[in-house]
Amino acid sequence: MKKVIALFATSVLLSVSSTGFAEGNPESGKALHKEANCLSCHTANPYSTAKTPNFERLVKAVDFCNTNLNTGWFEDEVLDVAVYLNQKYYKYPR
């Protein structure tokens, strides 16, 4: 059931972000990223484009970590973190 909810939330988030209605807040994302101590897992090669070749996959990857590490982020917070990571590391067009 958790996976179904996560997939639904991700699909809603992606549909909103791809239409431009949700912009995301990189400053909020930076704070959430620090608070969750994301770099404790992403140390050697912090963020690689191998598994996240575009912004949509980046959002899915952030949501995957959110679900599996039980950070408790809402969809807008997942987007905030993805926007922050994109701004700092990935530079994907949106």
N, C-alpha and C. Protein backbone atom coordinates (compact mmCIF):
# COMPACT_ATOMS: atom_id res chain seq x y z
N MET A 1 0.82 -1.19 0.00
CA MET A 1 0.00 0.00 0.00
C MET A 1 0.87 1.25 0.00
N LYS A 2 1.97 1.21 0.76
CA LYS A 2 2.88 2.34 0.82
C LYS A 2 3.43 2.68 -0.56
N LYS A 3 3.76 1.64 -1.33
CA LYS A 3 4.31 1.85 -2.67
C LYS A 3 3.27 2.47 -3.60
N VAL A 4 2.02 2.05 -3.46
CA VAL A 4 0.95 2.60 -4.29
C VAL A 4 0.78 4.09 -3.99
N ILE A 5 0.78 4.43 -2.72
CA ILE A 5 0.65 5.83 -2.33
C ILE A 5 1.84 6.64 -2.84
N ALA A 6 3.03 6.09 -2.70
CA ALA A 6 4.23 6.79 -3.17
C ALA A 6 4.20 6.98 -4.68
N LEU A 7 3.78 5.95 -5.41
CA LEU A 7 3.69 6.08 -6.87
C LEU A 7 2.64 7.11 -7.27
N PHE A 8 1.52 7.11 -6.58
CA PHE A 8 0.48 8.09 -6.88
C PHE A 8 0.99 9.50 -6.59
N ALA A 9 1.62 9.68 -5.45
CA ALA A 9 2.13 11.00 -5.08
C ALA A 9 3.18 11.46 -6.09
N THR A 10 4.03 10.56 -6.52
CA THR A 10 5.06 10.91 -7.50
C THR A 10 4.42 11.30 -8.82
N SER A 11 3.42 10.55 -9.26
CA SER A 11 2.79 10.88 -10.53
C SER A 11 2.08 12.23 -10.46
N VAL A 12 1.44 12.52 -9.34
CA VAL A 12 0.80 13.83 -9.18
C VAL A 12 1.85 14.92 -9.17
N LEU A 13 2.93 14.69 -8.43
CA LEU A 13 4.01 15.67 -8.36
C LEU A 13 4.62 15.92 -9.72
N LEU A 14 4.86 14.88 -10.47
CA LEU A 14 5.45 15.04 -11.80
C LEU A 14 4.51 15.76 -12.74
N SER A 15 3.24 15.46 -12.66
CA SER A 15 2.30 16.13 -13.56
C SER A 15 2.20 17.62 -13.22
N VAL A 16 2.27 17.94 -11.95
CA VAL A 16 2.23 19.34 -11.55
C VAL A 16 3.51 20.05 -11.96
N SER A 17 4.66 19.43 -11.70
CA SER A 17 5.92 20.10 -12.01
C SER A 17 6.14 20.23 -13.51
N SER A 18 5.68 19.27 -14.29
CA SER A 18 5.89 19.35 -15.74
C SER A 18 5.00 20.39 -16.39
N THR A 19 3.91 20.77 -15.74
CA THR A 19 3.05 21.80 -16.29
C THR A 19 3.46 23.18 -15.83
N GLY A 20 4.39 23.25 -14.91
CA GLY A 20 4.88 24.54 -14.46
C GLY A 20 4.10 25.14 -13.31
N PHE A 21 3.10 24.45 -12.77
CA PHE A 21 2.34 25.01 -11.67
C PHE A 21 3.14 25.01 -10.38
N ALA A 22 3.96 24.02 -10.19
CA ALA A 22 4.78 23.95 -8.98
C ALA A 22 6.21 24.27 -9.35
N GLU A 23 6.76 25.26 -8.72
CA GLU A 23 8.13 25.68 -9.03
C GLU A 23 9.15 25.07 -8.09
N GLY A 24 8.80 24.88 -6.85
CA GLY A 24 9.76 24.38 -5.87
C GLY A 24 10.58 25.50 -5.29
N ASN A 25 11.03 25.33 -4.08
CA ASN A 25 11.81 26.34 -3.37
C ASN A 25 13.18 25.75 -3.03
N PRO A 26 14.23 26.18 -3.74
CA PRO A 26 15.55 25.60 -3.50
C PRO A 26 16.10 25.89 -2.10
N GLU A 27 15.74 27.02 -1.51
CA GLU A 27 16.22 27.32 -0.15
C GLU A 27 15.61 26.36 0.86
N SER A 28 14.33 26.09 0.71
CA SER A 28 13.68 25.11 1.58
C SER A 28 14.28 23.73 1.35
N GLY A 29 14.53 23.40 0.06
CA GLY A 29 15.13 22.12 -0.28
C GLY A 29 16.51 21.94 0.33
N LYS A 30 17.28 23.01 0.33
CA LYS A 30 18.63 22.96 0.93
C LYS A 30 18.54 22.64 2.42
N ALA A 31 17.61 23.29 3.11
CA ALA A 31 17.43 23.04 4.54
C ALA A 31 16.95 21.62 4.81
N LEU A 32 16.00 21.13 4.01
CA LEU A 32 15.52 19.76 4.17
C LEU A 32 16.62 18.75 3.89
N HIS A 33 17.42 19.01 2.86
CA HIS A 33 18.54 18.14 2.48
C HIS A 33 19.54 18.05 3.63
N LYS A 34 19.84 19.18 4.23
CA LYS A 34 20.78 19.20 5.36
C LYS A 34 20.19 18.49 6.58
N GLU A 35 18.93 18.79 6.87
CA GLU A 35 18.25 18.20 8.03
C GLU A 35 18.18 16.68 7.94
N ALA A 36 17.95 16.17 6.74
CA ALA A 36 17.84 14.72 6.54
C ALA A 36 19.21 14.04 6.46
N ASN A 37 20.27 14.84 6.43
CA ASN A 37 21.64 14.33 6.37
C ASN A 37 21.84 13.43 5.15
N CYS A 38 21.37 13.89 4.01
CA CYS A 38 21.43 13.11 2.77
C CYS A 38 22.86 12.71 2.40
N LEU A 39 23.82 13.57 2.72
CA LEU A 39 25.20 13.27 2.35
C LEU A 39 25.81 12.14 3.18
N SER A 40 25.09 11.66 4.18
CA SER A 40 25.61 10.50 4.92
C SER A 40 25.58 9.25 4.03
N CYS A 41 24.67 9.20 3.06
CA CYS A 41 24.63 8.09 2.10
C CYS A 41 25.31 8.47 0.79
N HIS A 42 25.18 9.71 0.39
CA HIS A 42 25.70 10.18 -0.89
C HIS A 42 27.06 10.85 -0.67
N THR A 43 28.08 10.05 -0.34
CA THR A 43 29.36 10.64 0.01
C THR A 43 30.41 10.57 -1.09
N ALA A 44 30.71 9.38 -1.59
CA ALA A 44 31.82 9.22 -2.55
C ALA A 44 31.59 10.01 -3.82
N ASN A 45 30.46 9.82 -4.45
CA ASN A 45 30.09 10.54 -5.66
C ASN A 45 28.73 11.15 -5.36
N PRO A 46 28.70 12.33 -4.74
CA PRO A 46 27.45 12.82 -4.16
C PRO A 46 26.22 12.64 -5.03
N TYR A 47 26.23 13.12 -6.23
CA TYR A 47 25.03 13.01 -7.05
C TYR A 47 25.46 12.80 -8.49
N SER A 48 25.17 11.61 -9.00
CA SER A 48 25.57 11.22 -10.34
C SER A 48 24.38 11.27 -11.28
N THR A 49 24.64 11.60 -12.53
CA THR A 49 23.57 11.64 -13.52
C THR A 49 23.27 10.26 -14.11
N ALA A 50 24.01 9.24 -13.71
CA ALA A 50 23.82 7.90 -14.27
C ALA A 50 22.41 7.36 -14.03
N LYS A 51 21.88 7.54 -12.83
CA LYS A 51 20.56 7.01 -12.52
C LYS A 51 19.47 8.08 -12.61
N THR A 52 19.87 9.31 -12.77
CA THR A 52 18.91 10.41 -12.87
C THR A 52 19.26 11.28 -14.07
N PRO A 53 18.92 10.82 -15.28
CA PRO A 53 19.32 11.53 -16.49
C PRO A 53 18.49 12.77 -16.83
N ASN A 54 17.42 13.03 -16.06
CA ASN A 54 16.60 14.21 -16.32
C ASN A 54 15.90 14.62 -15.02
N PHE A 55 15.24 15.76 -15.06
CA PHE A 55 14.62 16.29 -13.84
C PHE A 55 13.52 15.37 -13.31
N GLU A 56 12.73 14.79 -14.18
CA GLU A 56 11.66 13.90 -13.72
C GLU A 56 12.21 12.71 -12.96
N ARG A 57 13.30 12.15 -13.45
CA ARG A 57 13.93 11.02 -12.74
C ARG A 57 14.55 11.47 -11.42
N LEU A 58 15.04 12.70 -11.39
CA LEU A 58 15.58 13.25 -10.15
C LEU A 58 14.49 13.34 -9.08
N VAL A 59 13.31 13.81 -9.47
CA VAL A 59 12.19 13.88 -8.52
C VAL A 59 11.85 12.48 -8.02
N LYS A 60 11.82 11.51 -8.91
CA LYS A 60 11.54 10.13 -8.51
C LYS A 60 12.60 9.61 -7.54
N ALA A 61 13.86 9.94 -7.79
CA ALA A 61 14.94 9.48 -6.92
C ALA A 61 14.82 10.10 -5.53
N VAL A 62 14.49 11.39 -5.47
CA VAL A 62 14.30 12.05 -4.17
C VAL A 62 13.12 11.43 -3.45
N ASP A 63 12.05 11.15 -4.18
CA ASP A 63 10.88 10.52 -3.57
C ASP A 63 11.20 9.11 -3.08
N PHE A 64 12.05 8.39 -3.83
CA PHE A 64 12.48 7.06 -3.41
C PHE A 64 13.19 7.14 -2.05
N CYS A 65 14.12 8.08 -1.92
CA CYS A 65 14.82 8.25 -0.64
C CYS A 65 13.83 8.66 0.45
N ASN A 66 12.93 9.56 0.13
CA ASN A 66 11.93 10.00 1.10
C ASN A 66 11.12 8.83 1.63
N THR A 67 10.68 7.97 0.73
CA THR A 67 9.86 6.81 1.12
C THR A 67 10.66 5.80 1.91
N ASN A 68 11.84 5.46 1.39
CA ASN A 68 12.62 4.38 2.01
C ASN A 68 13.33 4.79 3.29
N LEU A 69 13.59 6.06 3.46
CA LEU A 69 14.24 6.51 4.69
C LEU A 69 13.25 7.15 5.65
N ASN A 70 11.97 7.17 5.22
CA ASN A 70 10.89 7.68 6.07
C ASN A 70 11.18 9.08 6.60
N THR A 71 11.58 9.98 5.69
CA THR A 71 11.85 11.35 6.12
C THR A 71 10.59 12.11 6.44
N GLY A 72 9.47 11.68 5.86
CA GLY A 72 8.20 12.32 6.16
C GLY A 72 7.93 13.58 5.35
N TRP A 73 8.66 13.76 4.26
CA TRP A 73 8.44 14.94 3.42
C TRP A 73 7.13 14.82 2.66
N PHE A 74 6.46 15.95 2.50
CA PHE A 74 5.29 16.04 1.65
C PHE A 74 5.75 16.22 0.21
N GLU A 75 4.81 16.13 -0.74
CA GLU A 75 5.17 16.23 -2.16
C GLU A 75 5.89 17.54 -2.48
N ASP A 76 5.42 18.64 -1.89
CA ASP A 76 6.07 19.92 -2.18
C ASP A 76 7.49 19.96 -1.63
N GLU A 77 7.74 19.27 -0.54
CA GLU A 77 9.08 19.22 0.03
C GLU A 77 10.00 18.35 -0.81
N VAL A 78 9.47 17.25 -1.36
CA VAL A 78 10.25 16.42 -2.29
C VAL A 78 10.66 17.27 -3.48
N LEU A 79 9.72 18.05 -4.00
CA LEU A 79 10.02 18.93 -5.12
C LEU A 79 11.06 19.98 -4.73
N ASP A 80 10.95 20.53 -3.53
CA ASP A 80 11.93 21.52 -3.06
C ASP A 80 13.34 20.93 -3.05
N VAL A 81 13.48 19.72 -2.54
CA VAL A 81 14.79 19.07 -2.49
C VAL A 81 15.29 18.79 -3.91
N ALA A 82 14.41 18.32 -4.78
CA ALA A 82 14.81 18.05 -6.17
C ALA A 82 15.25 19.33 -6.87
N VAL A 83 14.54 20.42 -6.64
CA VAL A 83 14.91 21.70 -7.24
C VAL A 83 16.26 22.17 -6.70
N TYR A 84 16.48 22.01 -5.40
CA TYR A 84 17.77 22.36 -4.81
C TYR A 84 18.90 21.54 -5.42
N LEU A 85 18.72 20.21 -5.49
CA LEU A 85 19.75 19.35 -6.06
C LEU A 85 20.00 19.68 -7.53
N ASN A 86 18.94 19.97 -8.24
CA ASN A 86 19.08 20.33 -9.65
C ASN A 86 19.87 21.63 -9.80
N GLN A 87 19.56 22.57 -8.96
CA GLN A 87 20.25 23.87 -9.02
C GLN A 87 21.74 23.72 -8.66
N LYS A 88 22.03 22.91 -7.67
CA LYS A 88 23.41 22.78 -7.18
C LYS A 88 24.25 21.78 -7.99
N TYR A 89 23.67 20.64 -8.38
CA TYR A 89 24.46 19.57 -8.99
C TYR A 89 24.12 19.26 -10.45
N TYR A 90 22.84 19.15 -10.77
CA TYR A 90 22.44 18.56 -12.04
C TYR A 90 22.29 19.54 -13.20
N LYS A 91 21.66 20.66 -12.96
CA LYS A 91 21.45 21.69 -13.99
C LYS A 91 20.58 21.23 -15.16
N TYR A 92 19.57 20.40 -14.88
CA TYR A 92 18.65 19.95 -15.91
C TYR A 92 17.66 21.06 -16.25
N PRO A 93 17.24 21.15 -17.51
CA PRO A 93 16.16 22.08 -17.83
C PRO A 93 14.85 21.57 -17.25
N ARG A 94 13.97 22.49 -16.92
CA ARG A 94 12.67 22.09 -16.35
C ARG A 94 11.59 22.44 -17.26
